[in-house]
C-alpha atoms as a PDB file:
ATOM      1  CA  MET A   1     -14.522  19.972  12.324  1.00  0.00           C
ATOM      2  CA  THR A   2     -16.108  23.001  14.689  1.00  0.00           C
ATOM      3  CA  GLU A   3     -19.852  23.827  14.525  1.00  0.00           C
ATOM      4  CA  GLN A   4     -18.615  27.005  13.079  1.00  0.00           C
ATOM      5  CA  SER A   5     -17.094  25.524   9.533  1.00  0.00           C
ATOM      6  CA  VAL A   6     -20.241  23.166   9.103  1.00  0.00           C
ATOM      7  CA  HIS A   7     -22.468  25.960   8.947  1.00  0.00           C
ATOM      8  CA  LYS A   8     -20.049  27.979   6.798  1.00  0.00           C
ATOM      9  CA  ALA A   9     -19.458  25.237   4.260  1.00  0.00           C
ATOM     10  CA  LEU A  10     -23.116  24.051   4.483  1.00  0.00           C
ATOM     11  CA  SER A  11     -24.531  28.048   3.635  1.00  0.00           C
ATOM     12  CA  SER A  12     -23.657  27.217   0.559  1.00  0.00           C
ATOM     13  CA  ASP A  13     -26.918  25.480  -1.253  1.00  0.00           C
ATOM     14  CA  SER A  14     -24.870  24.011  -4.057  1.00  0.00           C
ATOM     15  CA  ARG A  15     -22.575  21.919  -1.003  1.00  0.00           C
ATOM     16  CA  ALA A  16     -25.889  21.231   0.724  1.00  0.00           C
ATOM     17  CA  ARG A  17     -27.481  19.726  -2.628  1.00  0.00           C
ATOM     18  CA  LEU A  18     -24.229  17.824  -2.714  1.00  0.00           C
ATOM     19  CA  ILE A  19     -24.118  16.470   1.169  1.00  0.00           C
ATOM     20  CA  GLY A  20     -27.931  15.942   0.452  1.00  0.00           C
ATOM     21  CA  LEU A  21     -27.180  13.450  -2.864  1.00  0.00           C
ATOM     22  CA  LEU A  22     -24.489  11.363  -1.194  1.00  0.00           C
ATOM     23  CA  ARG A  23     -26.958  10.885   2.264  1.00  0.00           C
ATOM     24  CA  GLN A  24     -29.342   9.371  -0.679  1.00  0.00           C
ATOM     25  CA  ALA A  25     -27.076   7.628  -3.001  1.00  0.00           C
ATOM     26  CA  GLY A  26     -25.808   5.044  -0.129  1.00  0.00           C
ATOM     27  CA  ARG A  27     -22.802   4.192  -2.154  1.00  0.00           C
ATOM     28  CA  PRO A  28     -19.334   6.289  -3.138  1.00  0.00           C
ATOM     29  CA  CYS A  29     -20.249   8.708  -5.964  1.00  0.00           C
ATOM     30  CA  SER A  30     -17.758   9.839  -8.497  1.00  0.00           C
ATOM     31  CA  VAL A  31     -17.508  13.747  -9.322  1.00  0.00           C
ATOM     32  CA  VAL A  32     -18.905  13.540 -12.411  1.00  0.00           C
ATOM     33  CA  GLU A  33     -21.972  11.540 -11.390  1.00  0.00           C
ATOM     34  CA  LEU A  34     -22.502  14.207  -8.870  1.00  0.00           C
ATOM     35  CA  ALA A  35     -22.318  17.175 -11.350  1.00  0.00           C
ATOM     36  CA  GLU A  36     -24.335  15.208 -13.666  1.00  0.00           C
ATOM     37  CA  SER A  37     -26.818  15.608 -11.032  1.00  0.00           C
ATOM     38  CA  THR A  38     -26.612  19.171 -10.095  1.00  0.00           C
ATOM     39  CA  GLY A  39     -25.982  20.029 -13.348  1.00  0.00           C
ATOM     40  CA  LEU A  40     -22.490  22.139 -12.179  1.00  0.00           C
ATOM     41  CA  HIS A  41     -19.415  21.617 -13.515  1.00  0.00           C
ATOM     42  CA  VAL A  42     -17.427  19.439 -12.686  1.00  0.00           C
ATOM     43  CA  ASN A  43     -14.422  21.640 -11.193  1.00  0.00           C
ATOM     44  CA  THR A  44     -17.346  23.562  -9.626  1.00  0.00           C
ATOM     45  CA  VAL A  45     -18.171  19.922  -7.794  1.00  0.00           C
ATOM     46  CA  ARG A  46     -15.041  19.116  -7.168  1.00  0.00           C
ATOM     47  CA  GLY A  47     -14.358  22.632  -5.596  1.00  0.00           C
ATOM     48  CA  HIS A  48     -17.531  22.023  -3.068  1.00  0.00           C
ATOM     49  CA  LEU A  49     -16.572  18.177  -2.271  1.00  0.00           C
ATOM     50  CA  ASP A  50     -12.701  19.554  -1.189  1.00  0.00           C
ATOM     51  CA  VAL A  51     -14.780  22.487   1.411  1.00  0.00           C
ATOM     52  CA  LEU A  52     -16.734  19.421   2.509  1.00  0.00           C
ATOM     53  CA  VAL A  53     -13.635  16.961   3.057  1.00  0.00           C
ATOM     54  CA  ARG A  54     -11.816  20.193   4.624  1.00  0.00           C
ATOM     55  CA  VAL A  55     -14.759  20.490   7.676  1.00  0.00           C
ATOM     56  CA  GLY A  56     -15.156  16.791   8.323  1.00  0.00           C
ATOM     57  CA  LEU A  57     -18.439  15.959   6.295  1.00  0.00           C
ATOM     58  CA  ALA A  58     -17.647  14.233   3.601  1.00  0.00           C
ATOM     59  CA  GLU A  59     -14.387  11.841   2.598  1.00  0.00           C
ATOM     60  CA  ARG A  60     -12.479  10.563  -0.173  1.00  0.00           C
ATOM     61  CA  SER A  61     -11.909   6.731  -1.047  1.00  0.00           C
ATOM     62  CA  THR A  62     -10.573   5.224  -4.759  1.00  0.00           C
ATOM     63  CA  SER A  63     -12.468   2.443  -6.839  1.00  0.00           C
ATOM     64  CA  ARG A  64     -11.084  -0.663  -7.512  1.00  0.00           C
ATOM     65  CA  ARG A  65     -10.430  -1.087 -11.119  1.00  0.00           C
ATOM     66  CA  SER A  66     -10.044  -4.883 -12.700  1.00  0.00           C
ATOM     67  CA  THR A  67      -8.589  -3.231 -15.894  1.00  0.00           C
ATOM     68  CA  PRO A  68      -5.084  -0.843 -15.700  1.00  0.00           C
ATOM     69  CA  GLY A  69      -5.561   2.482 -15.419  1.00  0.00           C
ATOM     70  CA  ARG A  70      -6.025   5.259 -12.716  1.00  0.00           C
ATOM     71  CA  PRO A  71      -8.614   4.598 -10.157  1.00  0.00           C
ATOM     72  CA  SER A  72     -11.333   7.090 -10.052  1.00  0.00           C
ATOM     73  CA  VAL A  73     -11.686   9.131  -7.163  1.00  0.00           C
ATOM     74  CA  LEU A  74     -15.160   8.551  -5.062  1.00  0.00           C
ATOM     75  CA  TYR A  75     -16.791  10.777  -2.406  1.00  0.00           C
ATOM     76  CA  GLY A  76     -19.155   9.698   0.215  1.00  0.00           C
ATOM     77  CA  PRO A  77     -20.470  11.212   3.150  1.00  0.00           C
ATOM     78  CA  THR A  78     -19.208  10.582   6.783  1.00  0.00           C
ATOM     79  CA  LEU A  79     -20.790  10.170   9.995  1.00  0.00           C
ATOM     80  CA  ALA A  80     -21.004  13.388  10.977  1.00  0.00           C
ATOM     81  CA  ALA A  81     -22.602  14.749   7.918  1.00  0.00           C
ATOM     82  CA  LEU A  82     -25.843  11.897   8.772  1.00  0.00           C
ATOM     83  CA  PRO A  83     -28.728  12.194  10.936  1.00  0.00           C
ATOM     84  CA  PRO A  84     -28.227   9.879  13.981  1.00  0.00           C
ATOM     85  CA  GLN A  85     -30.136   6.445  12.839  1.00  0.00           C
ATOM     86  CA  GLU A  86     -28.672   6.769   9.084  1.00  0.00           C
ATOM     87  CA  ALA A  87     -24.687   6.905  10.672  1.00  0.00           C
ATOM     88  CA  LEU A  88     -25.444   3.813  12.682  1.00  0.00           C
ATOM     89  CA  ILE A  89     -26.565   2.242   9.769  1.00  0.00           C
ATOM     90  CA  ALA A  90     -23.355   3.407   7.678  1.00  0.00           C
ATOM     91  CA  ASP A  91     -20.953   2.754  10.324  1.00  0.00           C
ATOM     92  CA  ALA A  92     -22.624  -0.794  10.726  1.00  0.00           C
ATOM     93  CA  GLN A  93     -22.655  -1.773   7.236  1.00  0.00           C
ATOM     94  CA  ALA A  94     -19.033  -0.496   7.077  1.00  0.00           C
ATOM     95  CA  TRP A  95     -18.425  -3.163  10.257  1.00  0.00           C
ATOM     96  CA  ALA A  96     -20.178  -6.166   7.883  1.00  0.00           C
ATOM     97  CA  ARG A  97     -17.720  -5.443   4.962  1.00  0.00           C
ATOM     98  CA  ASP A  98     -14.445  -5.088   7.424  1.00  0.00           C
ATOM     99  CA  HIS A  99     -15.480  -7.979   8.892  1.00  0.00           C
ATOM    100  CA  ALA A 100     -17.160 -10.272   6.453  1.00  0.00           C
ATOM    101  CA  GLN A 101     -13.989 -12.146   5.190  1.00  0.00           C
ATOM    102  CA  LEU A 102     -12.193 -12.127   8.719  1.00  0.00           C
ATOM    103  CA  ALA A 103     -15.053 -14.198   9.768  1.00  0.00           C
ATOM    104  CA  GLU A 104     -16.027 -16.619   6.661  1.00  0.00           C
ATOM    105  CA  GLY A 105     -15.621 -19.729   8.400  1.00  0.00           C
ATOM    106  CA  SER A 106     -12.774 -18.694  10.304  1.00  0.00           C
ATOM    107  CA  ALA A 107     -13.211 -20.604  13.574  1.00  0.00           C
ATOM    108  CA  THR A 108     -12.698 -23.808  14.067  1.00  0.00           C
ATOM    109  CA  GLY A 109     -14.401 -23.898  17.909  1.00  0.00           C
ATOM    110  CA  ARG A 110     -16.381 -21.511  20.333  1.00  0.00           C
ATOM    111  CA  ASP A 111     -13.311 -20.505  21.927  1.00  0.00           C
ATOM    112  CA  ALA A 112     -11.696 -19.440  18.921  1.00  0.00           C
ATOM    113  CA  ALA A 113     -15.382 -17.916  17.710  1.00  0.00           C
ATOM    114  CA  VAL A 114     -15.873 -15.925  20.802  1.00  0.00           C
ATOM    115  CA  ALA A 115     -11.811 -14.591  20.598  1.00  0.00           C
ATOM    116  CA  LEU A 116     -12.915 -13.401  16.897  1.00  0.00           C
ATOM    117  CA  VAL A 117     -16.279 -11.503  18.167  1.00  0.00           C
ATOM    118  CA  THR A 118     -14.214 -10.064  21.459  1.00  0.00           C
ATOM    119  CA  GLN A 119     -11.347  -8.606  18.728  1.00  0.00           C
ATOM    120  CA  MET A 120     -14.252  -6.757  16.175  1.00  0.00           C
ATOM    121  CA  LEU A 121     -15.981  -5.531  19.417  1.00  0.00           C
ATOM    122  CA  ALA A 122     -12.816  -3.945  20.512  1.00  0.00           C
ATOM    123  CA  GLU A 123     -12.076  -2.890  16.957  1.00  0.00           C
ATOM    124  CA  ARG A 124     -14.728  -0.823  17.178  1.00  0.00           C
ATOM    125  CA  GLY A 125     -14.557   0.840  20.647  1.00  0.00           C
ATOM    126  CA  PHE A 126     -16.734  -1.341  23.023  1.00  0.00           C
ATOM    127  CA  ALA A 127     -14.200  -2.347  25.354  1.00  0.00           C
ATOM    128  CA  PRO A 128     -15.380  -5.626  25.832  1.00  0.00           C
ATOM    129  CA  ARG A 129     -14.055  -7.845  28.771  1.00  0.00           C
ATOM    130  CA  GLY A 130     -14.739 -12.068  29.038  1.00  0.00           C
ATOM    131  CA  GLU A 131     -16.138 -12.723  32.260  1.00  0.00           C
ATOM    132  CA  GLU A 132     -16.597 -16.109  34.705  1.00  0.00           C
ATOM    133  CA  GLY A 133     -19.382 -18.066  32.969  1.00  0.00           C
ATOM    134  CA  GLY A 134     -18.093 -17.191  29.395  1.00  0.00           C
ATOM    135  CA  ASN A 135     -20.523 -14.104  28.955  1.00  0.00           C
ATOM    136  CA  LEU A 136     -18.859 -10.549  27.274  1.00  0.00           C
ATOM    137  CA  VAL A 137     -18.790  -7.348  28.874  1.00  0.00           C
ATOM    138  CA  LEU A 138     -19.290  -4.257  26.794  1.00  0.00           C
ATOM    139  CA  THR A 139     -17.857  -1.714  29.019  1.00  0.00           C
ATOM    140  CA  ALA A 140     -17.760   1.094  26.503  1.00  0.00           C
ATOM    141  CA  CYS A 141     -20.172   2.206  24.017  1.00  0.00           C
ATOM    142  CA  PRO A 142     -18.989   4.466  21.053  1.00  0.00           C
ATOM    143  CA  TYR A 143     -22.529   5.419  20.372  1.00  0.00           C
ATOM    144  CA  ALA A 144     -23.695   6.523  23.779  1.00  0.00           C
ATOM    145  CA  ASP A 145     -24.171  10.046  22.604  1.00  0.00           C
ATOM    146  CA  LEU A 146     -26.074   8.424  19.821  1.00  0.00           C
ATOM    147  CA  ALA A 147     -28.175   6.281  21.591  1.00  0.00           C
ATOM    148  CA  GLY A 148     -30.924   8.831  23.693  1.00  0.00           C
ATOM    149  CA  ALA A 149     -34.581   7.763  22.219  1.00  0.00           C
ATOM    150  CA  GLU A 150     -32.780   5.391  19.757  1.00  0.00           C
ATOM    151  CA  GLU A 151     -31.100   2.695  22.124  1.00  0.00           C
ATOM    152  CA  ARG A 152     -33.065   0.228  20.943  1.00  0.00           C
ATOM    153  CA  LEU A 153     -31.551   0.866  17.422  1.00  0.00           C
ATOM    154  CA  VAL A 154     -28.053   1.154  18.715  1.00  0.00           C
ATOM    155  CA  CYS A 155     -28.258  -2.408  20.675  1.00  0.00           C
ATOM    156  CA  ARG A 156     -30.368  -4.730  17.532  1.00  0.00           C
ATOM    157  CA  LEU A 157     -27.839  -3.493  14.993  1.00  0.00           C
ATOM    158  CA  HIS A 158     -24.665  -4.611  16.958  1.00  0.00           C
ATOM    159  CA  LEU A 159     -25.903  -7.425  18.634  1.00  0.00           C
ATOM    160  CA  GLY A 160     -27.523  -8.180  14.626  1.00  0.00           C
ATOM    161  CA  LEU A 161     -23.297  -8.135  13.341  1.00  0.00           C
ATOM    162  CA  VAL A 162     -22.403 -10.084  15.958  1.00  0.00           C
ATOM    163  CA  ARG A 163     -24.562 -12.920  15.162  1.00  0.00           C
ATOM    164  CA  GLY A 164     -23.798 -12.372  11.670  1.00  0.00           C
ATOM    165  CA  ALA A 165     -20.566 -12.980  12.336  1.00  0.00           C
ATOM    166  CA  LEU A 166     -21.137 -16.089  13.925  1.00  0.00           C
ATOM    167  CA  ASP A 167     -23.220 -17.198  11.306  1.00  0.00           C
ATOM    168  CA  ARG A 168     -20.509 -16.461   8.471  1.00  0.00           C
ATOM    169  CA  MET A 169     -17.974 -18.913  11.323  1.00  0.00           C
ATOM    170  CA  GLY A 170     -20.896 -21.760  11.450  1.00  0.00           C
ATOM    171  CA  ALA A 171     -20.719 -21.282  14.722  1.00  0.00           C
ATOM    172  CA  PRO A 172     -23.064 -23.502  16.285  1.00  0.00           C
ATOM    173  CA  PHE A 173     -24.405 -20.766  18.444  1.00  0.00           C
ATOM    174  CA  THR A 174     -25.792 -17.742  18.722  1.00  0.00           C
ATOM    175  CA  ALA A 175     -25.530 -14.340  21.035  1.00  0.00           C
ATOM    176  CA  ARG A 176     -27.977 -12.574  23.174  1.00  0.00           C
ATOM    177  CA  PHE A 177     -27.880  -9.109  25.214  1.00  0.00           C
ATOM    178  CA  VAL A 178     -28.686 -10.395  29.054  1.00  0.00           C
ATOM    179  CA  SER A 179     -28.378  -6.794  30.236  1.00  0.00           C
ATOM    180  CA  VAL A 180     -28.208  -3.736  28.448  1.00  0.00           C
ATOM    181  CA  ASP A 181     -27.121  -0.279  29.732  1.00  0.00           C
ATOM    182  CA  VAL A 182     -25.852   2.503  27.482  1.00  0.00           C
ATOM    183  CA  LEU A 183     -25.140   4.907  29.625  1.00  0.00           C
ATOM    184  CA  THR A 184     -23.298   3.308  32.294  1.00  0.00           C
ATOM    185  CA  PRO A 185     -22.053   1.848  29.801  1.00  0.00           C
ATOM    186  CA  ARG A 186     -22.110  -2.143  30.797  1.00  0.00           C
ATOM    187  CA  CYS A 187     -23.850  -4.588  28.469  1.00  0.00           C
ATOM    188  CA  VAL A 188     -23.858  -8.278  28.451  1.00  0.00           C
ATOM    189  CA  ILE A 189     -23.228 -10.300  25.914  1.00  0.00           C
ATOM    190  CA  GLU A 190     -24.508 -13.909  26.124  1.00  0.00           C
ATOM    191  CA  PHE A 191     -23.521 -17.086  24.171  1.00  0.00           C
ATOM    192  CA  VAL A 192     -26.094 -19.653  23.468  1.00  0.00           C
ATOM    193  CA  ASP A 193     -27.485 -22.597  21.979  1.00  0.00           C
ATOM    194  CA  ARG A 194     -29.364 -21.702  18.849  1.00  0.00           C
ATOM    195  CA  SER A 195     -33.330 -21.913  18.962  1.00  0.00           C
ATOM    196  CA  PRO A 196     -36.228 -19.656  18.252  1.00  0.00           C
ATOM    197  CA  THR A 197     -36.535 -18.340  21.648  1.00  0.00           C
ATOM    198  CA  ASN A 198     -32.979 -17.215  21.421  1.00  0.00           C
ATOM    199  CA  GLU A 199     -32.640 -15.933  17.871  1.00  0.00           C
ATOM    200  CA  GLU A 200     -36.022 -13.569  18.535  1.00  0.00           C
ATOM    201  CA  SER A 201     -34.330 -12.248  21.695  1.00  0.00           C
ATOM    202  CA  ALA A 202     -32.897  -8.490  21.342  1.00  0.00           C
ATOM    203  CA  PRO A 203     -33.319  -5.408  23.522  1.00  0.00           C
END
Protein backbone atom coordinates (compact mmCIF):
# COMPACT_ATOMS: atom_id res chain seq x y z
CA MET A 1 0.00 0.00 0.00
CA THR A 2 1.37 3.43 -0.96
CA GLU A 3 0.08 6.83 0.06
CA GLN A 4 -0.57 7.61 -3.60
CA SER A 5 -2.64 4.45 -4.15
CA VAL A 6 -4.69 5.15 -1.02
CA HIS A 7 -5.42 8.74 -2.06
CA LYS A 8 -6.37 7.55 -5.53
CA ALA A 9 -8.72 4.90 -4.11
CA LEU A 10 -10.41 7.40 -1.80
CA SER A 11 -10.73 10.06 -4.51
CA SER A 12 -13.97 8.28 -5.41
CA ASP A 13 -16.86 9.52 -3.29
CA SER A 14 -18.45 6.08 -3.45
CA ARG A 15 -15.34 4.30 -2.15
CA ALA A 16 -14.86 6.90 0.58
CA ARG A 17 -18.48 6.36 1.61
CA LEU A 18 -18.04 2.58 1.64
CA ILE A 19 -15.03 2.86 3.95
CA GLY A 20 -17.09 5.13 6.20
CA LEU A 21 -19.88 2.56 6.34
CA LEU A 22 -17.45 -0.25 7.12
CA ARG A 23 -15.94 1.78 9.96
CA GLN A 24 -19.33 2.58 11.44
CA ALA A 25 -20.70 -0.96 11.18
CA GLY A 26 -18.32 -2.44 13.74
CA ARG A 27 -18.66 -5.82 12.01
CA PRO A 28 -18.02 -7.32 8.56
CA CYS A 29 -20.69 -6.42 5.99
CA SER A 30 -21.97 -8.16 2.87
CA VAL A 31 -22.04 -6.61 -0.60
CA VAL A 32 -25.85 -6.66 -0.50
CA GLU A 33 -25.93 -4.72 2.79
CA LEU A 34 -23.55 -2.11 1.43
CA ALA A 35 -25.49 -1.84 -1.82
CA GLU A 36 -28.71 -1.21 0.11
CA SER A 37 -27.01 1.42 2.28
CA THR A 38 -25.49 3.30 -0.65
CA GLY A 39 -28.13 2.77 -3.31
CA LEU A 40 -25.46 1.45 -5.68
CA HIS A 41 -25.77 -1.72 -7.74
CA VAL A 42 -24.19 -4.78 -6.11
CA ASN A 43 -21.72 -5.15 -8.99
CA THR A 44 -20.66 -1.52 -8.61
CA VAL A 45 -20.17 -2.01 -4.87
CA ARG A 46 -18.19 -5.18 -5.48
CA GLY A 47 -15.91 -3.34 -7.90
CA HIS A 48 -15.26 -0.54 -5.41
CA LEU A 49 -14.56 -3.07 -2.65
CA ASP A 50 -12.07 -4.87 -4.89
CA VAL A 51 -10.15 -1.59 -5.20
CA LEU A 52 -10.23 -1.01 -1.43
CA VAL A 53 -8.98 -4.54 -0.79
CA ARG A 54 -6.22 -4.14 -3.37
CA VAL A 55 -4.83 -0.98 -1.72
CA GLY A 56 -5.09 -2.51 1.77
CA LEU A 57 -7.97 -0.47 3.19
CA ALA A 58 -10.50 -3.33 3.32
CA GLU A 59 -10.29 -7.08 3.80
CA ARG A 60 -12.45 -10.03 2.84
CA SER A 61 -13.69 -12.78 5.14
CA THR A 62 -16.34 -15.47 4.89
CA SER A 63 -19.32 -16.03 7.15
CA ARG A 64 -19.91 -19.30 8.95
CA ARG A 65 -23.09 -21.09 7.93
CA SER A 66 -25.18 -23.42 10.07
CA THR A 67 -26.80 -24.86 6.95
CA PRO A 68 -25.26 -26.26 3.75
CA GLY A 69 -24.41 -23.76 1.07
CA ARG A 70 -21.80 -21.36 -0.11
CA PRO A 71 -20.54 -19.01 2.64
CA SER A 72 -21.15 -15.29 2.15
CA VAL A 73 -18.21 -13.03 1.41
CA LEU A 74 -17.99 -10.20 3.95
CA TYR A 75 -15.93 -7.02 4.01
CA GLY A 76 -14.46 -5.00 6.84
CA PRO A 77 -11.91 -2.19 7.23
CA THR A 78 -8.28 -3.05 7.86
CA LEU A 79 -6.45 -1.36 10.75
CA ALA A 80 -4.83 0.92 8.16
CA ALA A 81 -8.27 2.28 7.28
CA LEU A 82 -9.10 3.23 10.86
CA PRO A 83 -8.08 6.28 12.90
CA PRO A 84 -5.41 5.30 15.48
CA GLN A 85 -7.79 5.03 18.44
CA GLU A 86 -10.32 2.96 16.48
CA ALA A 87 -7.51 0.78 15.12
CA LEU A 88 -6.35 -0.02 18.65
CA ILE A 89 -9.84 -0.94 19.76
CA ALA A 90 -10.44 -3.09 16.67
CA ASP A 91 -7.17 -4.91 17.20
CA ALA A 92 -7.98 -5.45 20.87
CA GLN A 93 -11.34 -6.94 19.92
CA ALA A 94 -9.65 -9.27 17.44
CA TRP A 95 -7.15 -10.36 20.08
CA ALA A 96 -9.94 -11.09 22.53
CA ARG A 97 -11.81 -13.18 19.94
CA ASP A 98 -8.68 -15.07 18.90
CA HIS A 99 -7.75 -16.07 22.43
CA ALA A 100 -11.09 -16.43 24.21
CA GLN A 101 -11.33 -20.20 23.75
CA LEU A 102 -7.61 -20.71 24.25
CA ALA A 103 -7.73 -19.03 27.65
CA GLU A 104 -11.03 -20.48 28.86
CA GLY A 105 -10.22 -22.57 31.94
CA SER A 106 -6.91 -23.60 30.39
CA ALA A 107 -4.41 -22.80 33.13
CA THR A 108 -4.04 -25.09 36.12
CA GLY A 109 -1.41 -23.05 37.98
CA ARG A 110 0.50 -19.79 38.07
CA ASP A 111 3.31 -20.94 35.78
CA ALA A 112 0.84 -22.24 33.18
CA ALA A 113 -1.17 -19.00 33.26
CA VAL A 114 1.91 -16.81 32.90
CA ALA A 115 3.18 -19.03 30.08
CA LEU A 116 -0.09 -18.63 28.19
CA VAL A 117 -0.12 -14.85 28.66
CA THR A 118 3.50 -14.78 27.46
CA GLN A 119 2.49 -16.75 24.36
CA MET A 120 -0.39 -14.37 23.64
CA LEU A 121 1.83 -11.30 23.94
CA ALA A 122 4.54 -12.87 21.79
CA GLU A 123 2.02 -13.63 19.03
CA ARG A 124 0.96 -9.97 19.10
CA GLY A 125 4.52 -8.69 18.69
CA PHE A 126 5.39 -7.51 22.21
CA ALA A 127 8.51 -9.72 22.47
CA PRO A 128 7.93 -10.59 26.16
CA ARG A 129 10.84 -11.77 28.28
CA GLY A 130 10.69 -13.31 31.73
CA GLU A 131 12.53 -11.44 34.47
CA GLU A 132 13.91 -12.64 37.76
CA GLY A 133 11.17 -12.32 40.34
CA GLY A 134 8.44 -13.39 37.94
CA ASN A 135 7.82 -10.11 36.14
CA LEU A 136 7.29 -10.02 32.39
CA VAL A 137 9.20 -7.42 30.37
CA LEU A 138 7.73 -6.30 27.05
CA THR A 139 10.72 -5.39 24.88
CA ALA A 140 8.75 -4.29 21.82
CA CYS A 141 5.52 -2.40 21.21
CA PRO A 142 3.77 -2.96 17.87
CA TYR A 143 1.70 0.14 18.61
CA ALA A 144 4.53 2.58 19.37
CA ASP A 145 3.86 4.54 16.18
CA LEU A 146 0.21 4.93 17.14
CA ALA A 147 0.84 5.69 20.80
CA GLY A 148 1.79 9.37 20.96
CA ALA A 149 -0.85 11.18 22.97
CA GLU A 150 -2.80 7.92 23.18
CA GLU A 151 -0.08 6.12 25.17
CA ARG A 152 -2.34 5.55 28.16
CA LEU A 153 -5.09 4.15 25.94
CA VAL A 154 -2.62 1.73 24.32
CA CYS A 155 -1.42 0.47 27.68
CA ARG A 156 -4.85 0.28 29.29
CA LEU A 157 -6.24 -1.72 26.38
CA HIS A 158 -3.53 -4.33 26.47
CA LEU A 159 -3.36 -4.57 30.24
CA GLY A 160 -7.12 -5.11 30.13
CA LEU A 161 -6.66 -7.96 27.67
CA VAL A 162 -4.03 -9.61 29.86
CA ARG A 163 -6.32 -9.31 32.87
CA GLY A 164 -9.25 -10.63 30.85
CA ALA A 165 -7.23 -13.66 29.78
CA LEU A 166 -6.27 -14.36 33.41
CA ASP A 167 -9.94 -14.06 34.41
CA ARG A 168 -10.99 -16.58 31.76
CA MET A 169 -8.30 -18.99 32.92
CA GLY A 170 -9.60 -18.77 36.46
CA ALA A 171 -6.21 -17.56 37.69
CA PRO A 172 -6.22 -16.44 41.35
CA PHE A 173 -4.01 -13.45 40.51
CA THR A 174 -4.09 -10.45 38.18
CA ALA A 175 -1.60 -8.18 36.40
CA ARG A 176 -0.45 -4.59 36.68
CA PHE A 177 2.22 -2.42 35.07
CA VAL A 178 5.22 -1.71 37.27
CA SER A 179 6.70 0.64 34.69
CA VAL A 180 5.69 1.83 31.24
CA ASP A 181 7.91 3.15 28.47
CA VAL A 182 6.32 2.76 25.04
CA LEU A 183 9.10 4.59 23.22
CA THR A 184 12.14 2.61 24.45
CA PRO A 185 10.18 0.28 24.61
CA ARG A 186 10.40 -1.45 27.97
CA CYS A 187 7.19 -2.07 29.87
CA VAL A 188 7.13 -4.34 32.90
CA ILE A 189 4.12 -6.42 33.91
CA GLU A 190 3.90 -7.75 37.46
CA PHE A 191 1.58 -10.60 38.43
CA VAL A 192 -0.01 -9.86 41.80
CA ASP A 193 -2.71 -11.16 44.11
CA ARG A 194 -6.19 -9.86 43.43
CA SER A 195 -7.16 -6.84 45.52
CA PRO A 196 -9.13 -3.64 44.88
CA THR A 197 -5.86 -1.68 44.69
CA ASN A 198 -4.22 -4.05 42.23
CA GLU A 199 -7.36 -4.35 40.10
CA GLU A 200 -7.53 -0.57 39.71
CA SER A 201 -3.82 -0.16 38.94
CA ALA A 202 -3.29 0.97 35.35
CA PRO A 203 -1.09 3.46 33.50
